[in-house]
PDB file of N, CA and C in Angstrom:
ATOM      1  N   MET A   1      -2.761  21.925  13.636  1.00  0.00           N
ATOM      2  CA  MET A   1      -2.731  23.296  13.207  1.00  0.00           C
ATOM      3  C   MET A   1      -1.489  23.944  13.793  1.00  0.00           C
ATOM      4  N   GLU A   2      -0.760  24.582  12.951  1.00  0.00           N
ATOM      5  CA  GLU A   2       0.438  25.274  13.412  1.00  0.00           C
ATOM      6  C   GLU A   2       0.646  26.518  12.567  1.00  0.00           C
ATOM      7  N   TYR A   3       0.855  27.618  13.251  1.00  0.00           N
ATOM      8  CA  TYR A   3       1.172  28.878  12.587  1.00  0.00           C
ATOM      9  C   TYR A   3       2.430  29.432  13.238  1.00  0.00           C
ATOM     10  N   GLU A   4       3.352  29.915  12.414  1.00  0.00           N
ATOM     11  CA  GLU A   4       4.614  30.426  12.939  1.00  0.00           C
ATOM     12  C   GLU A   4       4.846  31.862  12.494  1.00  0.00           C
ATOM     13  N   GLU A   5       5.458  32.620  13.401  1.00  0.00           N
ATOM     14  CA  GLU A   5       5.872  33.995  13.116  1.00  0.00           C
ATOM     15  C   GLU A   5       4.706  34.873  12.645  1.00  0.00           C
ATOM     16  N   ILE A   6       3.576  34.758  13.313  1.00  0.00           N
ATOM     17  CA  ILE A   6       2.393  35.542  12.968  1.00  0.00           C
ATOM     18  C   ILE A   6       2.465  36.882  13.706  1.00  0.00           C
ATOM     19  N   PRO A   7       2.380  37.999  12.979  1.00  0.00           N
ATOM     20  CA  PRO A   7       2.445  39.299  13.642  1.00  0.00           C
ATOM     21  C   PRO A   7       1.178  39.582  14.453  1.00  0.00           C
ATOM     22  N   VAL A   8       1.377  40.124  15.644  1.00  0.00           N
ATOM     23  CA  VAL A   8       0.274  40.499  16.533  1.00  0.00           C
ATOM     24  C   VAL A   8       0.577  41.890  17.080  1.00  0.00           C
ATOM     25  N   ALA A   9      -0.382  42.797  16.927  1.00  0.00           N
ATOM     26  CA  ALA A   9      -0.237  44.146  17.476  1.00  0.00           C
ATOM     27  C   ALA A   9      -0.576  44.108  18.963  1.00  0.00           C
ATOM     28  N   ILE A  10       0.413  44.368  19.792  1.00  0.00           N
ATOM     29  CA  ILE A  10       0.213  44.416  21.238  1.00  0.00           C
ATOM     30  C   ILE A  10      -0.375  45.774  21.623  1.00  0.00           C
ATOM     31  N   THR A  11       0.173  46.816  21.043  1.00  0.00           N
ATOM     32  CA  THR A  11      -0.333  48.187  21.168  1.00  0.00           C
ATOM     33  C   THR A  11      -0.232  48.789  19.768  1.00  0.00           C
ATOM     34  N   PRO A  12      -0.776  49.987  19.565  1.00  0.00           N
ATOM     35  CA  PRO A  12      -0.634  50.601  18.238  1.00  0.00           C
ATOM     36  C   PRO A  12       0.825  50.777  17.796  1.00  0.00           C
ATOM     37  N   LEU A  13       1.751  50.827  18.757  1.00  0.00           N
ATOM     38  CA  LEU A  13       3.159  51.037  18.419  1.00  0.00           C
ATOM     39  C   LEU A  13       4.033  49.800  18.610  1.00  0.00           C
ATOM     40  N   GLU A  14       3.463  48.715  19.096  1.00  0.00           N
ATOM     41  CA  GLU A  14       4.263  47.517  19.375  1.00  0.00           C
ATOM     42  C   GLU A  14       3.658  46.295  18.700  1.00  0.00           C
ATOM     43  N   GLU A  15       4.492  45.615  17.922  1.00  0.00           N
ATOM     44  CA  GLU A  15       4.079  44.380  17.261  1.00  0.00           C
ATOM     45  C   GLU A  15       5.094  43.292  17.593  1.00  0.00           C
ATOM     46  N   ARG A  16       4.602  42.098  17.845  1.00  0.00           N
ATOM     47  CA  ARG A  16       5.465  40.950  18.121  1.00  0.00           C
ATOM     48  C   ARG A  16       5.024  39.799  17.238  1.00  0.00           C
ATOM     49  N   ARG A  17       5.914  38.821  17.080  1.00  0.00           N
ATOM     50  CA  ARG A  17       5.598  37.643  16.269  1.00  0.00           C
ATOM     51  C   ARG A  17       5.376  36.445  17.185  1.00  0.00           C
ATOM     52  N   PHE A  18       4.257  35.776  16.967  1.00  0.00           N
ATOM     53  CA  PHE A  18       3.832  34.664  17.803  1.00  0.00           C
ATOM     54  C   PHE A  18       3.751  33.380  16.992  1.00  0.00           C
ATOM     55  N   ASP A  19       3.930  32.259  17.688  1.00  0.00           N
ATOM     56  CA  ASP A  19       3.682  30.931  17.125  1.00  0.00           C
ATOM     57  C   ASP A  19       2.456  30.365  17.828  1.00  0.00           C
ATOM     58  N   PHE A  20       1.593  29.704  17.060  1.00  0.00           N
ATOM     59  CA  PHE A  20       0.361  29.123  17.585  1.00  0.00           C
ATOM     60  C   PHE A  20       0.328  27.648  17.218  1.00  0.00           C
ATOM     61  N   ASP A  21       0.077  26.793  18.197  1.00  0.00           N
ATOM     62  CA  ASP A  21       0.016  25.349  17.965  1.00  0.00           C
ATOM     63  C   ASP A  21      -1.201  24.759  18.658  1.00  0.00           C
ATOM     64  N   LEU A  22      -1.884  23.846  17.969  1.00  0.00           N
ATOM     65  CA  LEU A  22      -2.940  23.053  18.593  1.00  0.00           C
ATOM     66  C   LEU A  22      -2.280  21.807  19.155  1.00  0.00           C
ATOM     67  N   MET A  23      -2.439  21.597  20.437  1.00  0.00           N
ATOM     68  CA  MET A  23      -1.856  20.446  21.117  1.00  0.00           C
ATOM     69  C   MET A  23      -2.984  19.468  21.431  1.00  0.00           C
ATOM     70  N   GLU A  24      -2.720  18.186  21.237  1.00  0.00           N
ATOM     71  CA  GLU A  24      -3.749  17.184  21.483  1.00  0.00           C
ATOM     72  C   GLU A  24      -3.237  16.149  22.470  1.00  0.00           C
ATOM     73  N   ASN A  25      -4.119  15.747  23.373  1.00  0.00           N
ATOM     74  CA  ASN A  25      -3.808  14.619  24.239  1.00  0.00           C
ATOM     75  C   ASN A  25      -5.060  13.762  24.371  1.00  0.00           C
ATOM     76  N   GLN A  26      -5.031  12.745  25.175  1.00  0.00           N
ATOM     77  CA  GLN A  26      -6.154  11.813  25.265  1.00  0.00           C
ATOM     78  C   GLN A  26      -7.394  12.446  25.878  1.00  0.00           C
ATOM     79  N   SER A  27      -7.228  13.416  26.746  1.00  0.00           N
ATOM     80  CA  SER A  27      -8.359  13.997  27.465  1.00  0.00           C
ATOM     81  C   SER A  27      -8.995  15.190  26.751  1.00  0.00           C
ATOM     82  N   PHE A  28      -8.157  16.069  26.205  1.00  0.00           N
ATOM     83  CA  PHE A  28      -8.686  17.287  25.596  1.00  0.00           C
ATOM     84  C   PHE A  28      -7.629  17.920  24.698  1.00  0.00           C
ATOM     85  N   ASN A  29      -8.062  18.861  23.898  1.00  0.00           N
ATOM     86  CA  ASN A  29      -7.157  19.635  23.056  1.00  0.00           C
ATOM     87  C   ASN A  29      -6.947  21.002  23.697  1.00  0.00           C
ATOM     88  N   TYR A  30      -5.791  21.580  23.437  1.00  0.00           N
ATOM     89  CA  TYR A  30      -5.493  22.907  23.958  1.00  0.00           C
ATOM     90  C   TYR A  30      -4.535  23.591  23.003  1.00  0.00           C
ATOM     91  N   TYR A  31      -4.357  24.886  23.189  1.00  0.00           N
ATOM     92  CA  TYR A  31      -3.471  25.667  22.343  1.00  0.00           C
ATOM     93  C   TYR A  31      -2.249  26.103  23.134  1.00  0.00           C
ATOM     94  N   ARG A  32      -1.121  26.114  22.428  1.00  0.00           N
ATOM     95  CA  ARG A  32       0.112  26.666  22.984  1.00  0.00           C
ATOM     96  C   ARG A  32       0.470  27.877  22.131  1.00  0.00           C
ATOM     97  N   ILE A  33       0.644  29.000  22.778  1.00  0.00           N
ATOM     98  CA  ILE A  33       1.031  30.236  22.101  1.00  0.00           C
ATOM     99  C   ILE A  33       2.391  30.632  22.659  1.00  0.00           C
ATOM    100  N   THR A  34       3.354  30.885  21.773  1.00  0.00           N
ATOM    101  CA  THR A  34       4.687  31.257  22.223  1.00  0.00           C
ATOM    102  C   THR A  34       5.163  32.532  21.526  1.00  0.00           C
ATOM    103  N   CYS A  35       6.009  33.272  22.253  1.00  0.00           N
ATOM    104  CA  CYS A  35       6.609  34.488  21.711  1.00  0.00           C
ATOM    105  C   CYS A  35       7.780  34.879  22.599  1.00  0.00           C
ATOM    106  N   ASP A  36       8.925  35.106  22.000  1.00  0.00           N
ATOM    107  CA  ASP A  36      10.104  35.593  22.733  1.00  0.00           C
ATOM    108  C   ASP A  36      10.399  34.784  23.994  1.00  0.00           C
ATOM    109  N   GLY A  37      10.273  33.470  23.899  1.00  0.00           N
ATOM    110  CA  GLY A  37      10.580  32.602  25.025  1.00  0.00           C
ATOM    111  C   GLY A  37       9.490  32.503  26.078  1.00  0.00           C
ATOM    112  N   LYS A  38       8.386  33.196  25.883  1.00  0.00           N
ATOM    113  CA  LYS A  38       7.244  33.140  26.802  1.00  0.00           C
ATOM    114  C   LYS A  38       6.190  32.209  26.215  1.00  0.00           C
ATOM    115  N   VAL A  39       5.414  31.571  27.094  1.00  0.00           N
ATOM    116  CA  VAL A  39       4.414  30.606  26.631  1.00  0.00           C
ATOM    117  C   VAL A  39       3.087  30.836  27.347  1.00  0.00           C
ATOM    118  N   LEU A  40       2.011  30.535  26.631  1.00  0.00           N
ATOM    119  CA  LEU A  40       0.660  30.601  27.180  1.00  0.00           C
ATOM    120  C   LEU A  40      -0.080  29.357  26.712  1.00  0.00           C
ATOM    121  N   TYR A  41      -0.683  28.648  27.642  1.00  0.00           N
ATOM    122  CA  TYR A  41      -1.527  27.502  27.322  1.00  0.00           C
ATOM    123  C   TYR A  41      -2.970  27.889  27.605  1.00  0.00           C
ATOM    124  N   ILE A  42      -3.849  27.664  26.617  1.00  0.00           N
ATOM    125  CA  ILE A  42      -5.273  27.936  26.785  1.00  0.00           C
ATOM    126  C   ILE A  42      -6.063  26.737  26.288  1.00  0.00           C
ATOM    127  N   ASP A  43      -7.269  26.575  26.815  1.00  0.00           N
ATOM    128  CA  ASP A  43      -8.088  25.446  26.394  1.00  0.00           C
ATOM    129  C   ASP A  43      -8.868  25.795  25.126  1.00  0.00           C
ATOM    130  N   GLU A  44      -9.709  24.860  24.678  1.00  0.00           N
ATOM    131  CA  GLU A  44     -10.465  25.064  23.439  1.00  0.00           C
ATOM    132  C   GLU A  44     -11.466  26.210  23.534  1.00  0.00           C
ATOM    133  N   ASN A  45     -11.791  26.619  24.751  1.00  0.00           N
ATOM    134  CA  ASN A  45     -12.692  27.753  24.963  1.00  0.00           C
ATOM    135  C   ASN A  45     -11.917  29.051  25.156  1.00  0.00           C
ATOM    136  N   PHE A  46     -10.608  28.987  24.938  1.00  0.00           N
ATOM    137  CA  PHE A  46      -9.699  30.126  25.044  1.00  0.00           C
ATOM    138  C   PHE A  46      -9.536  30.614  26.485  1.00  0.00           C
ATOM    139  N   ASP A  47      -9.762  29.719  27.430  1.00  0.00           N
ATOM    140  CA  ASP A  47      -9.564  30.039  28.840  1.00  0.00           C
ATOM    141  C   ASP A  47      -8.141  29.681  29.254  1.00  0.00           C
ATOM    142  N   TYR A  48      -7.576  30.486  30.130  1.00  0.00           N
ATOM    143  CA  TYR A  48      -6.211  30.324  30.626  1.00  0.00           C
ATOM    144  C   TYR A  48      -6.037  28.985  31.338  1.00  0.00           C
ATOM    145  N   ILE A  49      -4.959  28.279  30.989  1.00  0.00           N
ATOM    146  CA  ILE A  49      -4.561  27.074  31.713  1.00  0.00           C
ATOM    147  C   ILE A  49      -3.328  27.405  32.549  1.00  0.00           C
ATOM    148  N   GLU A  50      -2.250  27.819  31.862  1.00  0.00           N
ATOM    149  CA  GLU A  50      -1.029  28.219  32.561  1.00  0.00           C
ATOM    150  C   GLU A  50      -0.095  28.908  31.587  1.00  0.00           C
ATOM    151  N   GLY A  51       0.978  29.491  32.115  1.00  0.00           N
ATOM    152  CA  GLY A  51       1.982  30.109  31.269  1.00  0.00           C
ATOM    153  C   GLY A  51       2.629  31.308  31.932  1.00  0.00           C
ATOM    154  N   ASP A  52       3.716  31.758  31.301  1.00  0.00           N
ATOM    155  CA  ASP A  52       4.447  32.907  31.823  1.00  0.00           C
ATOM    156  C   ASP A  52       4.399  34.109  30.882  1.00  0.00           C
ATOM    157  N   MET A  53       3.496  34.067  29.908  1.00  0.00           N
ATOM    158  CA  MET A  53       3.364  35.170  28.965  1.00  0.00           C
ATOM    159  C   MET A  53       2.822  36.405  29.695  1.00  0.00           C
ATOM    160  N   PRO A  54       3.395  37.585  29.413  1.00  0.00           N
ATOM    161  CA  PRO A  54       2.892  38.801  30.048  1.00  0.00           C
ATOM    162  C   PRO A  54       1.389  38.984  29.801  1.00  0.00           C
ATOM    163  N   VAL A  55       0.703  39.429  30.813  1.00  0.00           N
ATOM    164  CA  VAL A  55      -0.753  39.582  30.748  1.00  0.00           C
ATOM    165  C   VAL A  55      -1.167  40.471  29.580  1.00  0.00           C
ATOM    166  N   GLU A  56      -0.419  41.533  29.326  1.00  0.00           N
ATOM    167  CA  GLU A  56      -0.795  42.464  28.260  1.00  0.00           C
ATOM    168  C   GLU A  56      -0.655  41.865  26.860  1.00  0.00           C
ATOM    169  N   TRP A  57       0.043  40.765  26.711  1.00  0.00           N
ATOM    170  CA  TRP A  57       0.166  40.087  25.415  1.00  0.00           C
ATOM    171  C   TRP A  57      -0.969  39.100  25.184  1.00  0.00           C
ATOM    172  N   ARG A  58      -1.583  38.619  26.236  1.00  0.00           N
ATOM    173  CA  ARG A  58      -2.528  37.499  26.141  1.00  0.00           C
ATOM    174  C   ARG A  58      -3.748  37.809  25.286  1.00  0.00           C
ATOM    175  N   LYS A  59      -4.445  38.884  25.592  1.00  0.00           N
ATOM    176  CA  LYS A  59      -5.679  39.197  24.872  1.00  0.00           C
ATOM    177  C   LYS A  59      -5.435  39.394  23.374  1.00  0.00           C
ATOM    178  N   PRO A  60      -4.428  40.191  22.965  1.00  0.00           N
ATOM    179  CA  PRO A  60      -4.179  40.333  21.525  1.00  0.00           C
ATOM    180  C   PRO A  60      -3.781  39.008  20.861  1.00  0.00           C
ATOM    181  N   ALA A  61      -3.005  38.181  21.556  1.00  0.00           N
ATOM    182  CA  ALA A  61      -2.586  36.893  20.985  1.00  0.00           C
ATOM    183  C   ALA A  61      -3.777  35.955  20.820  1.00  0.00           C
ATOM    184  N   ILE A  62      -4.641  35.900  21.818  1.00  0.00           N
ATOM    185  CA  ILE A  62      -5.827  35.037  21.728  1.00  0.00           C
ATOM    186  C   ILE A  62      -6.764  35.534  20.634  1.00  0.00           C
ATOM    187  N   ALA A  63      -6.925  36.840  20.513  1.00  0.00           N
ATOM    188  CA  ALA A  63      -7.768  37.394  19.452  1.00  0.00           C
ATOM    189  C   ALA A  63      -7.221  37.021  18.077  1.00  0.00           C
ATOM    190  N   ARG A  64      -5.905  37.061  17.930  1.00  0.00           N
ATOM    191  CA  ARG A  64      -5.288  36.687  16.642  1.00  0.00           C
ATOM    192  C   ARG A  64      -5.503  35.208  16.362  1.00  0.00           C
ATOM    193  N   LEU A  65      -5.367  34.364  17.376  1.00  0.00           N
ATOM    194  CA  LEU A  65      -5.621  32.936  17.218  1.00  0.00           C
ATOM    195  C   LEU A  65      -7.061  32.699  16.777  1.00  0.00           C
ATOM    196  N   GLN A  66      -8.008  33.384  17.377  1.00  0.00           N
ATOM    197  CA  GLN A  66      -9.409  33.227  16.997  1.00  0.00           C
ATOM    198  C   GLN A  66      -9.625  33.621  15.537  1.00  0.00           C
ATOM    199  N   THR A  67      -8.958  34.678  15.093  1.00  0.00           N
ATOM    200  CA  THR A  67      -9.046  35.102  13.695  1.00  0.00           C
ATOM    201  C   THR A  67      -8.471  34.035  12.765  1.00  0.00           C
ATOM    202  N   LEU A  68      -7.342  33.451  13.137  1.00  0.00           N
ATOM    203  CA  LEU A  68      -6.729  32.396  12.323  1.00  0.00           C
ATOM    204  C   LEU A  68      -7.638  31.172  12.228  1.00  0.00           C
ATOM    205  N   ILE A  69      -8.245  30.791  13.336  1.00  0.00           N
ATOM    206  CA  ILE A  69      -9.142  29.632  13.344  1.00  0.00           C
ATOM    207  C   ILE A  69     -10.358  29.898  12.469  1.00  0.00           C
ATOM    208  N   LYS A  70     -10.926  31.083  12.593  1.00  0.00           N
ATOM    209  CA  LYS A  70     -12.099  31.445  11.795  1.00  0.00           C
ATOM    210  C   LYS A  70     -11.762  31.426  10.303  1.00  0.00           C
ATOM    211  N   ALA A  71     -10.608  31.967   9.936  1.00  0.00           N
ATOM    212  CA  ALA A  71     -10.190  31.975   8.532  1.00  0.00           C
ATOM    213  C   ALA A  71      -9.961  30.559   8.019  1.00  0.00           C
ATOM    214  N   ARG A  72      -9.455  29.699   8.868  1.00  0.00           N
ATOM    215  CA  ARG A  72      -9.218  28.303   8.473  1.00  0.00           C
ATOM    216  C   ARG A  72     -10.536  27.559   8.275  1.00  0.00           C
ATOM    217  N   GLU A  73     -11.500  27.819   9.154  1.00  0.00           N
ATOM    218  CA  GLU A  73     -12.794  27.144   9.070  1.00  0.00           C
ATOM    219  C   GLU A  73     -13.659  27.679   7.939  1.00  0.00           C
ATOM    220  N   HIS A  74     -13.467  28.945   7.579  1.00  0.00           N
ATOM    221  CA  HIS A  74     -14.266  29.594   6.536  1.00  0.00           C
ATOM    222  C   HIS A  74     -13.336  30.304   5.557  1.00  0.00           C
ATOM    223  N   PRO A  75     -12.611  29.558   4.716  1.00  0.00           N
ATOM    224  CA  PRO A  75     -11.609  30.174   3.836  1.00  0.00           C
ATOM    225  C   PRO A  75     -12.183  31.164   2.820  1.00  0.00           C
ATOM    226  N   ASP A  76     -13.480  31.068   2.539  1.00  0.00           N
ATOM    227  CA  ASP A  76     -14.094  31.980   1.572  1.00  0.00           C
ATOM    228  C   ASP A  76     -14.798  33.151   2.235  1.00  0.00           C
ATOM    229  N   GLY A  77     -14.593  33.328   3.537  1.00  0.00           N
ATOM    230  CA  GLY A  77     -15.223  34.423   4.269  1.00  0.00           C
ATOM    231  C   GLY A  77     -16.303  33.911   5.198  1.00  0.00           C
ATOM    232  N   PRO A  78     -16.934  34.835   5.944  1.00  0.00           N
ATOM    233  CA  PRO A  78     -17.935  34.439   6.959  1.00  0.00           C
ATOM    234  C   PRO A  78     -19.126  33.734   6.420  1.00  0.00           C
TER     235      PRO A  78
END
């Protein structure tokens, strides 16, 4: 799964574009979220692993990722 240049509202007046990638390895899957040279790694439960992304960007970015996953799993709606 890969999404590029997805708009995310950080605040009502600030929007940034994020890339979302599902990363896979032998032990577990995780997500990499990037924006403006910053990165956030989260596990399949959306828990923080590591990264240098500003804290105020994390919650909106993770919420957008959850929306993208839900839309992918249920393309015809809930």
